[in-house]
Amino acid sequence: MDTVRQKQYPYLMVGKTIMYVHGFMSSAQSGTVSILKELLPEANIIAEDLPIHPAEAIELLKKLCQEHQPDLIIGSSMGGMYTEMLKGYDRIVVNPAFQMGETMPEHNMTGKQTFLNPRKDGVQEVIVTKSLVNEYKEITQQCFQAITDEERQRVYGLFGDKDPLVHTFDLFYEHYPNAIRFHGAHQLTNKVAFHYLIPVIRWIDDKQEKRERPIIYIDYETLHDSFGKATSSMHKAYEMLIEQYQVLITAPAPTNEHTSLTDVQTWVEEYLSTPAYNKVIFTNHKHLLLGDYLITPTLENDFMGTCLVYGSDEFKTWEELITYFNRLGGQ
């Protein structure tokens, strides 16, 4: 078993209902449901087998929403397409298949198909006809309808940068601002859930609870070495810190080197990915930042919080910083 699955977050979504919407030819017995239940033991995870006909599927989902009033809806692939339509709820769509009518014939999803997971009705196979493909073409016409400013902020899209099946990042971004790439393919695996989905769930849970976490600023120069590679134990420290703190990356904004801003964003997206989405602050005056901690290679005497000098005798590496924050326990 992947060690990722042994990690749990009992303090996230406590007592809340999360509805999972599965993908094409899957079911409520999807491995993703098991992953969510394991990662979020204090949440109520619900999922139902979707009818193969899309009009029936969206009708069932709307009925489930009315019955359970989920605090969060997560949909993957085809399920992401349906999830976008469920207005009025916080939602995460993972590699959403907004163009099912085109995706199905292009990727051999027609003719005789076998369900990937057991279903309650015992059905194991189905014939996907041209008529059924047309039904999916018609249902996707209902995507992106009546989107209010509030709705635009309630939906996050996660898109694998190596997804061989679905490429809807640009389409999603035309309608919703929170379009985020992650390192992965199409399937919502253990790794994807742990590294990329959980951070977004944490943002949503914090917003719902109006939870404010202590702020840590990390100077970009402490994240990489002279070759542009991640510094030793940086990822370990970063993933530990984002569990309890609001972590923001700071970088200079030199007036005559505009490309440096793009370089920083590119590096952050490559090495920190989803958890660092919209978490970069460009400033030439770090001492003006309001926060609790600043991790920086040089002492900032005027910073109002606690300045921790990376590379100093006290904090030679990220391991010393990990020890320091472990002792604080989130304070």
Protein backbone atom coordinates (compact mmCIF):
# COMPACT_ATOMS: atom_id res chain seq x y z
CA MET A 1 0.00 0.00 0.00
CA ASP A 2 1.16 3.52 -0.81
CA THR A 3 2.38 5.17 2.39
CA VAL A 4 0.53 8.32 1.33
CA ARG A 5 -2.73 6.63 2.29
CA GLN A 6 -1.62 6.22 5.89
CA LYS A 7 -1.78 9.98 6.45
CA GLN A 8 -5.04 11.26 7.91
CA TYR A 9 -6.55 14.68 8.54
CA PRO A 10 -9.06 14.21 11.37
CA TYR A 11 -9.24 17.99 11.92
CA LEU A 12 -10.48 18.77 8.38
CA MET A 13 -14.19 18.89 7.43
CA VAL A 14 -15.18 17.65 10.89
CA GLY A 15 -18.82 16.58 10.95
CA LYS A 16 -19.32 17.84 7.39
CA THR A 17 -20.73 16.04 4.36
CA ILE A 18 -18.65 15.60 1.23
CA MET A 19 -20.36 14.21 -1.87
CA TYR A 20 -18.12 12.48 -4.40
CA VAL A 21 -19.23 12.22 -8.04
CA HIS A 22 -17.47 9.43 -9.92
CA GLY A 23 -16.27 9.27 -13.50
CA PHE A 24 -17.45 7.44 -16.61
CA MET A 25 -17.84 3.64 -16.23
CA SER A 26 -17.03 3.86 -12.53
CA SER A 27 -19.27 3.64 -9.45
CA ALA A 28 -19.64 4.63 -5.81
CA GLN A 29 -17.23 1.76 -5.07
CA SER A 30 -14.46 3.77 -6.68
CA GLY A 31 -11.10 3.66 -4.94
CA THR A 32 -11.31 7.45 -4.64
CA VAL A 33 -14.17 7.10 -2.16
CA SER A 34 -11.99 4.86 0.01
CA ILE A 35 -9.13 7.35 -0.24
CA LEU A 36 -11.36 10.23 0.88
CA LYS A 37 -12.75 8.23 3.79
CA GLU A 38 -9.25 7.35 4.92
CA LEU A 39 -7.82 10.84 4.56
CA LEU A 40 -10.83 12.57 6.16
CA PRO A 41 -12.04 10.22 8.91
CA GLU A 42 -14.25 12.84 10.61
CA ALA A 43 -16.13 13.78 7.44
CA ASN A 44 -19.23 12.06 6.10
CA ILE A 45 -18.36 10.86 2.59
CA ILE A 46 -21.35 10.00 0.39
CA ALA A 47 -21.42 8.65 -3.15
CA GLU A 48 -23.99 6.94 -5.36
CA ASP A 49 -23.82 4.95 -8.59
CA LEU A 50 -24.74 7.25 -11.45
CA PRO A 51 -27.15 6.14 -14.19
CA ILE A 52 -25.47 5.76 -17.56
CA HIS A 53 -27.91 8.22 -19.12
CA PRO A 54 -26.74 11.75 -18.29
CA ALA A 55 -30.17 13.34 -17.83
CA GLU A 56 -30.98 10.70 -15.21
CA ALA A 57 -27.57 11.16 -13.59
CA ILE A 58 -27.87 14.93 -13.11
CA GLU A 59 -31.43 14.51 -11.81
CA LEU A 60 -30.17 12.02 -9.20
CA LEU A 61 -27.32 14.31 -8.18
CA LYS A 62 -29.62 17.29 -7.70
CA LYS A 63 -31.90 15.11 -5.57
CA LEU A 64 -28.92 13.97 -3.46
CA CYS A 65 -27.89 17.60 -2.97
CA GLN A 66 -31.35 18.51 -1.75
CA GLU A 67 -31.39 15.52 0.60
CA HIS A 68 -27.89 15.79 2.06
CA GLN A 69 -26.99 19.48 1.59
CA PRO A 70 -23.29 18.66 1.13
CA ASP A 71 -20.69 21.07 2.45
CA LEU A 72 -18.41 20.14 -0.44
CA ILE A 73 -18.84 18.31 -3.74
CA ILE A 74 -15.85 16.68 -5.44
CA GLY A 75 -16.18 15.38 -8.97
CA SER A 76 -13.60 13.62 -11.12
CA SER A 77 -13.59 13.41 -14.93
CA MET A 78 -17.22 12.98 -16.03
CA GLY A 79 -18.15 13.57 -12.41
CA GLY A 80 -16.39 16.92 -12.63
CA MET A 81 -18.63 17.87 -15.54
CA TYR A 82 -21.73 17.10 -13.46
CA THR A 83 -20.28 18.80 -10.39
CA GLU A 84 -19.88 22.11 -12.21
CA MET A 85 -23.64 22.11 -12.83
CA LEU A 86 -24.53 21.73 -9.14
CA LYS A 87 -24.78 25.42 -8.34
CA GLY A 88 -24.96 26.71 -4.78
CA TYR A 89 -22.28 24.49 -3.24
CA ASP A 90 -18.52 24.60 -2.73
CA ARG A 91 -17.04 22.34 -5.38
CA ILE A 92 -13.77 20.86 -6.62
CA VAL A 93 -13.59 19.43 -10.14
CA VAL A 94 -10.62 17.20 -10.94
CA ASN A 95 -9.76 16.81 -14.63
CA PRO A 96 -13.37 17.63 -15.54
CA ALA A 97 -14.60 16.12 -18.81
CA PHE A 98 -16.62 19.06 -20.11
CA GLN A 99 -16.53 17.68 -23.66
CA MET A 100 -17.76 14.13 -23.08
CA GLY A 101 -19.41 13.92 -26.50
CA GLU A 102 -16.00 14.36 -28.13
CA THR A 103 -13.94 12.50 -25.52
CA MET A 104 -15.93 9.26 -25.75
CA PRO A 105 -15.38 8.42 -29.45
CA GLU A 106 -11.82 9.80 -29.42
CA HIS A 107 -10.74 7.45 -26.60
CA ASN A 108 -12.57 4.22 -27.46
CA MET A 109 -15.39 4.75 -24.97
CA THR A 110 -18.05 3.50 -27.38
CA GLY A 111 -19.40 0.03 -28.06
CA LYS A 112 -19.25 -2.64 -25.36
CA GLN A 113 -17.83 -1.21 -22.11
CA THR A 114 -17.14 -2.85 -18.76
CA PHE A 115 -17.61 -1.00 -15.49
CA LEU A 116 -14.35 -0.47 -13.60
CA ASN A 117 -15.97 -1.00 -10.19
CA PRO A 118 -18.90 -3.06 -8.86
CA ARG A 119 -22.32 -1.40 -8.93
CA LYS A 120 -25.30 -1.87 -6.63
CA ASP A 121 -27.51 -2.97 -9.52
CA GLY A 122 -25.04 -5.72 -10.44
CA VAL A 123 -24.66 -4.48 -14.00
CA GLN A 124 -21.15 -5.12 -15.27
CA GLU A 125 -21.36 -4.14 -18.95
CA VAL A 126 -23.12 -1.58 -21.11
CA ILE A 127 -23.29 -0.79 -24.82
CA VAL A 128 -22.37 2.82 -25.53
CA THR A 129 -24.26 3.75 -28.70
CA LYS A 130 -24.08 6.85 -30.90
CA SER A 131 -27.40 7.86 -29.38
CA LEU A 132 -25.88 7.77 -25.90
CA VAL A 133 -22.88 9.80 -27.07
CA ASN A 134 -25.32 12.40 -28.38
CA GLU A 135 -27.01 12.49 -24.99
CA TYR A 136 -23.66 13.45 -23.46
CA LYS A 137 -23.12 16.09 -26.13
CA GLU A 138 -26.49 17.58 -25.19
CA ILE A 139 -25.90 17.51 -21.43
CA THR A 140 -22.57 19.31 -21.74
CA GLN A 141 -24.47 22.24 -23.26
CA GLN A 142 -25.72 22.86 -19.73
CA CYS A 143 -22.22 23.50 -18.40
CA PHE A 144 -21.21 27.07 -17.46
CA GLN A 145 -24.75 28.40 -17.28
CA ALA A 146 -25.87 31.27 -15.02
CA ILE A 147 -22.54 31.68 -13.24
CA THR A 148 -22.68 34.48 -10.69
CA ASP A 149 -19.68 36.26 -9.17
CA GLU A 150 -20.24 34.23 -6.01
CA GLU A 151 -20.29 30.96 -7.94
CA ARG A 152 -17.01 31.87 -9.65
CA GLN A 153 -15.31 31.82 -6.26
CA ARG A 154 -16.91 28.57 -5.07
CA VAL A 155 -15.42 26.25 -7.69
CA TYR A 156 -11.82 25.06 -7.91
CA GLY A 157 -10.53 23.17 -10.93
CA LEU A 158 -7.55 20.81 -10.67
CA PHE A 159 -5.89 19.78 -13.92
CA GLY A 160 -3.18 17.14 -14.31
CA ASP A 161 -0.29 18.36 -16.44
CA LYS A 162 0.11 14.85 -17.89
CA ASP A 163 -3.57 14.03 -18.45
CA PRO A 164 -3.80 12.04 -21.73
CA LEU A 165 -7.62 12.13 -21.90
CA VAL A 166 -9.05 15.50 -20.94
CA HIS A 167 -7.73 18.97 -21.74
CA THR A 168 -10.24 21.49 -20.42
CA PHE A 169 -8.06 23.88 -18.40
CA ASP A 170 -8.58 26.78 -20.80
CA LEU A 171 -12.33 26.13 -21.08
CA PHE A 172 -12.72 26.10 -17.30
CA TYR A 173 -10.57 29.21 -16.89
CA GLU A 174 -12.84 31.15 -19.25
CA HIS A 175 -15.55 30.86 -16.59
CA TYR A 176 -13.81 30.32 -13.24
CA PRO A 177 -10.62 31.98 -11.94
CA ASN A 178 -9.40 29.14 -9.72
CA ALA A 179 -7.89 26.89 -12.39
CA ILE A 180 -4.90 25.03 -10.94
CA ARG A 181 -2.46 22.62 -12.56
CA PHE A 182 -0.94 19.71 -10.65
CA HIS A 183 1.69 17.09 -11.41
CA GLY A 184 -0.26 14.03 -12.44
CA ALA A 185 -2.33 12.26 -15.08
CA HIS A 186 -6.11 11.72 -15.31
CA GLN A 187 -6.89 9.48 -12.36
CA LEU A 188 -7.43 10.86 -8.88
CA THR A 189 -4.78 8.71 -7.19
CA ASN A 190 -3.52 8.57 -3.59
CA LYS A 191 -0.68 10.92 -4.47
CA VAL A 192 -2.97 13.43 -6.16
CA ALA A 193 -5.38 13.39 -3.22
CA PHE A 194 -2.62 13.82 -0.63
CA HIS A 195 -0.46 16.45 -2.32
CA TYR A 196 -3.00 18.45 -4.32
CA LEU A 197 -6.61 17.78 -3.32
CA ILE A 198 -6.19 18.01 0.47
CA PRO A 199 -4.66 21.53 0.34
CA VAL A 200 -7.69 22.79 -1.60
CA ILE A 201 -10.07 21.09 0.83
CA ARG A 202 -8.15 22.83 3.63
CA TRP A 203 -8.69 26.24 1.98
CA ILE A 204 -12.41 25.55 1.65
CA ASP A 205 -12.74 24.28 5.21
CA ASP A 206 -10.86 27.33 6.54
CA LYS A 207 -13.13 29.66 4.58
CA GLN A 208 -16.29 27.90 5.78
CA GLU A 209 -15.09 28.05 9.39
CA LYS A 210 -13.72 31.61 9.04
CA ARG A 211 -10.49 30.11 10.38
CA GLU A 212 -7.42 32.35 10.37
CA ARG A 213 -4.06 30.61 10.60
CA PRO A 214 -0.76 32.18 11.68
CA ILE A 215 1.14 33.53 8.68
CA ILE A 216 4.58 32.38 7.59
CA TYR A 217 6.43 34.20 4.83
CA ILE A 218 9.17 32.20 3.12
CA ASP A 219 11.77 34.02 1.05
CA TYR A 220 12.08 32.44 -2.40
CA GLU A 221 15.88 32.32 -2.06
CA THR A 222 15.61 29.79 0.79
CA LEU A 223 13.66 27.36 -1.38
CA HIS A 224 16.29 26.66 -4.02
CA ASP A 225 20.03 26.14 -4.31
CA SER A 226 22.49 27.83 -6.68
CA PHE A 227 21.46 25.41 -9.44
CA GLY A 228 17.76 26.25 -9.11
CA LYS A 229 16.90 22.92 -7.49
CA ALA A 230 14.88 22.56 -4.30
CA THR A 231 16.95 22.86 -1.14
CA SER A 232 17.34 19.78 1.05
CA SER A 233 14.23 18.91 3.12
CA MET A 234 12.37 21.93 1.72
CA HIS A 235 9.40 19.87 0.51
CA LYS A 236 9.20 18.06 3.83
CA ALA A 237 9.13 21.37 5.68
CA TYR A 238 6.68 23.00 3.30
CA GLU A 239 4.13 20.20 3.50
CA MET A 240 4.40 20.19 7.30
CA LEU A 241 3.94 23.97 7.55
CA ILE A 242 0.89 24.26 5.27
CA GLU A 243 -1.02 21.90 7.56
CA GLN A 244 -1.07 24.48 10.36
CA TYR A 245 -0.08 27.83 8.88
CA GLN A 246 -0.92 30.12 6.01
CA VAL A 247 2.31 29.93 4.04
CA LEU A 248 3.20 32.63 1.52
CA ILE A 249 6.27 32.89 -0.71
CA THR A 250 8.01 36.25 -1.02
CA ALA A 251 10.22 37.28 -3.91
CA PRO A 252 11.69 40.60 -5.08
CA ALA A 253 10.15 42.56 -7.94
CA PRO A 254 13.10 44.24 -9.65
CA THR A 255 11.93 47.15 -11.79
CA ASN A 256 14.28 46.42 -14.68
CA GLU A 257 13.97 42.63 -14.70
CA HIS A 258 10.35 41.86 -15.46
CA THR A 259 11.13 38.31 -16.55
CA SER A 260 12.26 37.44 -13.02
CA LEU A 261 8.63 37.49 -11.86
CA THR A 262 7.73 34.91 -14.49
CA ASP A 263 10.76 32.82 -13.55
CA VAL A 264 9.68 32.74 -9.90
CA GLN A 265 6.09 31.79 -10.74
CA THR A 266 7.31 29.04 -13.07
CA TRP A 267 9.64 27.62 -10.40
CA VAL A 268 6.95 27.72 -7.72
CA GLU A 269 4.45 25.98 -9.99
CA GLU A 270 7.01 23.29 -10.83
CA TYR A 271 8.35 22.61 -7.33
CA LEU A 272 5.48 23.52 -5.01
CA SER A 273 2.53 23.15 -7.38
CA THR A 274 -1.09 23.34 -6.15
CA PRO A 275 -0.50 24.26 -2.46
CA ALA A 276 1.32 27.45 -3.58
CA TYR A 277 -1.44 28.57 -5.95
CA ASN A 278 -1.86 32.36 -5.57
CA LYS A 279 0.53 32.27 -2.61
CA VAL A 280 3.39 34.35 -4.06
CA ILE A 281 3.93 37.95 -2.95
CA PHE A 282 6.34 40.10 -4.92
CA THR A 283 7.82 42.85 -2.79
CA ASN A 284 11.02 44.81 -2.44
CA HIS A 285 10.11 45.73 1.14
CA LYS A 286 9.66 42.55 3.19
CA HIS A 287 9.75 44.49 6.44
CA LEU A 288 6.36 46.00 5.58
CA LEU A 289 4.64 42.61 5.47
CA LEU A 290 2.24 41.84 8.32
CA GLY A 291 2.60 38.30 9.59
CA ASP A 292 3.90 36.05 12.32
CA TYR A 293 7.09 34.55 10.88
CA LEU A 294 9.55 35.36 8.11
CA ILE A 295 12.03 32.75 6.91
CA THR A 296 14.75 34.62 5.05
CA PRO A 297 18.46 34.30 4.22
CA THR A 298 19.22 37.71 5.79
CA LEU A 299 18.01 39.30 9.00
CA GLU A 300 15.13 41.75 8.58
CA ASN A 301 15.28 43.82 11.77
CA ASP A 302 12.17 45.86 10.94
CA PHE A 303 9.89 42.87 10.37
CA MET A 304 7.16 43.03 13.04
CA GLY A 305 7.01 39.26 13.57
CA THR A 306 9.67 36.62 14.25
CA CYS A 307 12.51 36.58 11.72
CA LEU A 308 14.18 33.20 11.21
CA VAL A 309 17.44 33.38 9.26
CA TYR A 310 17.87 30.37 6.99
CA GLY A 311 21.51 29.29 6.79
CA SER A 312 22.42 30.79 10.18
CA ASP A 313 24.01 28.80 12.99
CA GLU A 314 20.56 28.22 14.48
CA PHE A 315 18.81 27.29 11.24
CA LYS A 316 21.48 25.89 8.94
CA THR A 317 18.97 23.74 7.03
CA TRP A 318 15.25 23.14 6.77
CA GLU A 319 15.60 20.31 9.29
CA GLU A 320 16.29 22.82 12.08
CA LEU A 321 13.28 24.84 11.00
CA ILE A 322 11.13 21.69 11.03
CA THR A 323 12.21 21.04 14.62
CA TYR A 324 11.48 24.66 15.57
CA PHE A 325 7.93 24.66 14.20
CA ASN A 326 7.19 21.18 15.53
CA ARG A 327 7.86 22.53 19.01
CA LEU A 328 5.48 25.44 18.39
CA GLY A 329 2.66 23.10 17.41
CA GLY A 330 0.94 25.55 15.08
CA GLN A 331 1.26 28.68 17.21
